[in-house]
Amino acid sequence: MKILIIEDDEKIINFLKKGLEEESYSVDYSLNGDEGIYLASVNDYDLILLDIMLPIKDGIKVCKTLRADGINTPIIMLTAKDSIEDKIKGLDIGANDYLAKPFSFSELLARIRVQLRATNQNQTTLKLADLELDLLTKTAKRGEDTINLTAKEFALLEYLIKNQNKVLSESVISSSLSNMDDMNMSNVVNVYIYRLRNKIDKPYEKKLIKTIRGLGFKISDD
């Protein structure tokens, strides 16, 4: 699942990005309101973490603009303001939840799960053949076997299954999983495809991940 952070404090961004990626979320971020609006309009996110005190456009204006543009992605507003009036204002302009700084990361994760559960009631699991991903608990199973995946492996497998039967190039996969961008390897996608194959394909007769020579990869039940 992919989360957009719109926040101008780089320390907070780094803290949130690291923690969310360890929980298998893919993360993009923006340092100002205008760029945040642009990213939210050109990409599909499962959730947005939005600070109120932002340069160029503040969080209130960002939230209003997104809702006016028909973008209904769940928004959790993050702010140092914790008065009842501020909370009501944030909720009234379209935010789904409101968390005052400082907050515990575990509480943020719980609130994220609540929003994702509410918006994905019909899709908390992904299935392909006998492979199943639980998007809320971040666990994977093939048949009766539980498969231990790292956060990046889970994020890649989730992306592949959401796009099952489609041929995906290395560049498309890499750009869609921004939490792999910090890896200092030119063949990072190939490395993670190799690791996934060893875990979800190699021990089993039916192979799911296919290499389409010269084009990329796809996962399918063919």
Protein backbone atom coordinates (compact mmCIF):
# COMPACT_ATOMS: atom_id res chain seq x y z
CA MET A 1 0.00 0.00 0.00
CA LYS A 2 1.22 3.47 -0.87
CA ILE A 3 1.22 6.50 1.43
CA LEU A 4 1.92 10.16 0.61
CA ILE A 5 3.43 12.35 3.34
CA ILE A 6 2.98 16.11 2.90
CA GLU A 7 5.19 17.67 5.57
CA ASP A 8 7.85 20.40 5.59
CA ASP A 9 9.92 19.08 8.53
CA GLU A 10 12.53 16.76 7.03
CA LYS A 11 13.27 15.12 10.38
CA ILE A 12 9.63 14.14 10.73
CA ILE A 13 9.56 12.94 7.11
CA ASN A 14 12.63 10.76 7.64
CA PHE A 15 11.16 9.34 10.87
CA LEU A 16 7.81 8.56 9.27
CA LYS A 17 9.28 7.23 6.02
CA LYS A 18 11.64 4.85 7.80
CA GLY A 19 8.93 3.56 10.14
CA LEU A 20 6.30 3.13 7.44
CA GLU A 21 8.67 1.35 5.09
CA GLU A 22 9.57 -1.05 7.90
CA GLU A 23 5.83 -1.80 8.06
CA SER A 24 5.82 -2.65 4.30
CA TYR A 25 4.24 0.60 3.10
CA SER A 26 5.57 2.36 0.01
CA VAL A 27 6.13 6.06 0.70
CA ASP A 28 6.30 9.29 -1.32
CA TYR A 29 6.69 12.69 0.26
CA SER A 30 6.40 16.39 -0.49
CA LEU A 31 7.82 19.40 1.35
CA ASN A 32 5.11 21.89 0.34
CA GLY A 33 1.41 22.09 -0.39
CA ASP A 34 1.58 22.67 -4.13
CA GLU A 35 3.80 19.67 -4.79
CA GLY A 36 1.65 17.57 -2.49
CA ILE A 37 -1.45 18.43 -4.52
CA TYR A 38 0.39 17.53 -7.72
CA LEU A 39 1.60 14.16 -6.42
CA ALA A 40 -1.86 13.28 -5.09
CA SER A 41 -3.41 14.13 -8.46
CA VAL A 42 -1.05 12.08 -10.65
CA ASN A 43 -0.54 9.03 -8.42
CA ASP A 44 -2.85 6.59 -6.67
CA TYR A 45 -2.31 6.60 -2.93
CA ASP A 46 -4.04 4.54 -0.28
CA LEU A 47 -3.63 7.25 2.35
CA ILE A 48 -2.25 10.79 2.81
CA LEU A 49 -0.54 12.14 5.94
CA LEU A 50 -1.00 15.90 5.76
CA ASP A 51 0.61 18.54 7.98
CA ILE A 52 -1.33 21.79 8.46
CA MET A 53 1.58 24.23 8.67
CA LEU A 54 3.02 24.00 5.14
CA PRO A 55 4.77 26.49 2.83
CA ILE A 56 3.05 27.78 -0.33
CA LYS A 57 -0.31 26.19 0.51
CA ASP A 58 -1.20 25.14 4.04
CA GLY A 59 -2.78 21.80 4.85
CA ILE A 60 -6.29 23.21 5.05
CA LYS A 61 -6.05 24.56 1.49
CA VAL A 62 -4.44 21.31 0.30
CA CYS A 63 -7.26 19.23 1.78
CA LYS A 64 -9.94 21.51 0.32
CA THR A 65 -8.30 21.39 -3.13
CA LEU A 66 -8.00 17.60 -3.12
CA ARG A 67 -11.61 17.11 -2.13
CA ALA A 68 -12.79 19.70 -4.68
CA ASP A 69 -10.85 17.80 -7.35
CA GLY A 70 -12.65 14.59 -6.47
CA ILE A 71 -9.68 12.92 -4.77
CA ASN A 72 -11.20 10.88 -1.95
CA THR A 73 -8.03 9.28 -0.62
CA PRO A 74 -8.21 9.05 3.20
CA ILE A 75 -6.39 11.98 4.84
CA ILE A 76 -4.95 12.02 8.35
CA MET A 77 -3.99 15.55 9.34
CA LEU A 78 -0.86 16.00 11.46
CA THR A 79 -0.45 19.24 13.36
CA ALA A 80 0.88 20.88 16.49
CA LYS A 81 -2.56 22.48 16.95
CA ASP A 82 -4.76 20.32 19.13
CA SER A 83 -7.69 22.54 20.05
CA ILE A 84 -11.21 21.25 19.52
CA GLU A 85 -11.83 24.09 17.03
CA ASP A 86 -8.83 23.08 14.93
CA LYS A 87 -9.89 19.44 14.91
CA ILE A 88 -13.41 20.33 13.86
CA LYS A 89 -12.11 22.60 11.09
CA GLY A 90 -9.88 19.84 9.73
CA LEU A 91 -12.68 17.28 9.76
CA ASP A 92 -15.19 19.70 8.27
CA ILE A 93 -13.05 20.37 5.19
CA GLY A 94 -12.72 16.68 4.38
CA ALA A 95 -10.03 15.12 6.54
CA ASN A 96 -10.76 11.61 7.82
CA ASP A 97 -8.78 11.84 11.05
CA TYR A 98 -6.68 14.28 13.05
CA LEU A 99 -3.53 13.56 15.07
CA ALA A 100 -1.82 16.21 17.19
CA LYS A 101 1.97 16.37 17.48
CA PRO A 102 3.81 14.94 19.24
CA PHE A 103 2.26 11.51 18.70
CA SER A 104 3.42 7.94 19.14
CA PHE A 105 4.22 6.03 15.97
CA SER A 106 2.20 3.06 17.21
CA GLU A 107 -0.88 5.27 17.51
CA LEU A 108 -0.33 6.60 13.99
CA LEU A 109 -0.08 3.03 12.66
CA ALA A 110 -3.33 2.12 14.42
CA ARG A 111 -5.11 5.11 12.89
CA ILE A 112 -3.70 4.26 9.46
CA ARG A 113 -5.02 0.72 9.77
CA VAL A 114 -8.47 2.03 10.74
CA GLN A 115 -8.62 4.22 7.62
CA LEU A 116 -7.33 1.49 5.32
CA ARG A 117 -9.76 -1.02 6.77
CA ALA A 118 -12.65 1.39 6.23
CA THR A 119 -11.73 2.07 2.59
CA ASN A 120 -10.74 -1.50 1.74
CA GLN A 121 -13.46 -3.53 3.41
CA ASN A 122 -13.80 -5.66 0.31
CA GLN A 123 -10.07 -6.06 -0.26
CA THR A 124 -8.10 -6.78 2.88
CA THR A 125 -6.51 -9.77 1.16
CA LEU A 126 -5.02 -10.39 -2.26
CA LYS A 127 -5.07 -13.85 -3.80
CA LEU A 128 -3.45 -15.54 -6.77
CA ALA A 129 -3.72 -19.31 -7.11
CA ASP A 130 -2.78 -20.62 -3.63
CA LEU A 131 -0.83 -17.48 -2.74
CA GLU A 132 -2.54 -15.08 -0.32
CA LEU A 133 -1.47 -11.71 1.10
CA ASP A 134 -3.11 -10.14 4.14
CA LEU A 135 -2.76 -6.39 3.63
CA LEU A 136 -3.59 -5.49 7.21
CA THR A 137 -1.27 -7.89 9.02
CA LYS A 138 1.36 -7.80 6.24
CA THR A 139 1.60 -11.59 6.11
CA ALA A 140 1.91 -13.97 3.18
CA LYS A 141 0.88 -17.60 2.79
CA ARG A 142 1.13 -20.15 0.02
CA GLY A 143 -1.30 -22.92 0.72
CA GLU A 144 -0.85 -23.70 4.41
CA ASP A 145 2.72 -22.38 4.49
CA THR A 146 3.48 -18.99 6.02
CA ILE A 147 6.15 -17.17 4.00
CA ASN A 148 8.47 -14.75 5.77
CA LEU A 149 8.95 -11.63 3.64
CA THR A 150 10.88 -8.44 4.31
CA ALA A 151 9.02 -5.14 4.05
CA LYS A 152 10.38 -4.47 0.55
CA GLU A 153 9.64 -8.00 -0.62
CA PHE A 154 6.05 -7.72 0.64
CA ALA A 155 5.61 -4.32 -1.07
CA LEU A 156 6.88 -5.72 -4.38
CA LEU A 157 4.71 -8.83 -4.18
CA GLU A 158 1.65 -6.72 -3.33
CA TYR A 159 2.30 -4.51 -6.35
CA LEU A 160 2.74 -7.52 -8.64
CA ILE A 161 -0.46 -9.19 -7.49
CA LYS A 162 -2.46 -5.96 -7.79
CA ASN A 163 -1.25 -5.89 -11.40
CA GLN A 164 -1.44 -9.62 -12.05
CA ASN A 165 -1.39 -10.77 -15.68
CA LYS A 166 0.22 -7.45 -16.71
CA VAL A 167 3.77 -7.24 -18.05
CA LEU A 168 5.62 -4.70 -15.89
CA SER A 169 8.98 -3.23 -16.88
CA GLU A 170 11.78 -2.79 -14.35
CA SER A 171 11.44 0.99 -14.54
CA VAL A 172 7.67 0.88 -13.92
CA ILE A 173 8.13 -1.41 -10.92
CA SER A 174 10.95 0.71 -9.49
CA SER A 175 9.06 4.01 -9.87
CA SER A 176 5.94 2.52 -8.30
CA LEU A 177 7.88 1.33 -5.26
CA SER A 178 9.60 4.49 -4.17
CA ASN A 179 10.93 2.88 -1.02
CA MET A 180 13.38 1.00 -3.22
CA ASP A 181 14.85 4.20 -4.63
CA ASP A 182 17.37 4.51 -1.80
CA MET A 183 18.98 1.21 -2.67
CA ASN A 184 22.34 1.78 -4.31
CA MET A 185 21.90 -0.95 -6.91
CA SER A 186 21.11 -0.55 -10.58
CA ASN A 187 19.48 -3.99 -10.68
CA VAL A 188 17.44 -3.65 -7.49
CA VAL A 189 14.22 -4.94 -9.09
CA ASN A 190 16.00 -8.05 -10.40
CA VAL A 191 17.47 -8.67 -6.96
CA TYR A 192 14.07 -8.56 -5.28
CA ILE A 193 12.39 -10.63 -8.00
CA TYR A 194 15.10 -13.26 -7.42
CA ARG A 195 14.48 -13.21 -3.67
CA LEU A 196 10.71 -13.50 -4.14
CA ARG A 197 11.10 -16.43 -6.50
CA ASN A 198 13.22 -18.26 -3.95
CA LYS A 199 10.49 -17.83 -1.35
CA ILE A 200 7.17 -18.11 -3.18
CA ASP A 201 8.05 -20.17 -6.28
CA LYS A 202 11.13 -22.34 -5.81
CA PRO A 203 9.65 -24.64 -3.11
CA TYR A 204 6.45 -25.19 -5.12
CA GLU A 205 5.59 -26.99 -8.34
CA LYS A 206 3.48 -24.16 -9.78
CA LYS A 207 5.55 -21.08 -10.64
CA LEU A 208 3.80 -17.70 -10.52
CA ILE A 209 6.44 -15.08 -11.38
CA LYS A 210 7.40 -15.02 -15.06
CA THR A 211 10.18 -13.19 -16.90
CA ILE A 212 9.05 -11.74 -20.22
CA ARG A 213 12.31 -11.43 -22.09
CA GLY A 214 13.12 -7.87 -23.10
CA LEU A 215 9.96 -6.48 -21.49
CA GLY A 216 9.95 -7.18 -17.77
CA PHE A 217 8.01 -9.41 -15.38
CA LYS A 218 4.50 -10.54 -14.65
CA ILE A 219 2.79 -12.66 -12.04
CA SER A 220 0.00 -14.91 -13.20
CA ASP A 221 -1.75 -18.23 -12.66
CA ASP A 222 -1.17 -19.35 -16.27
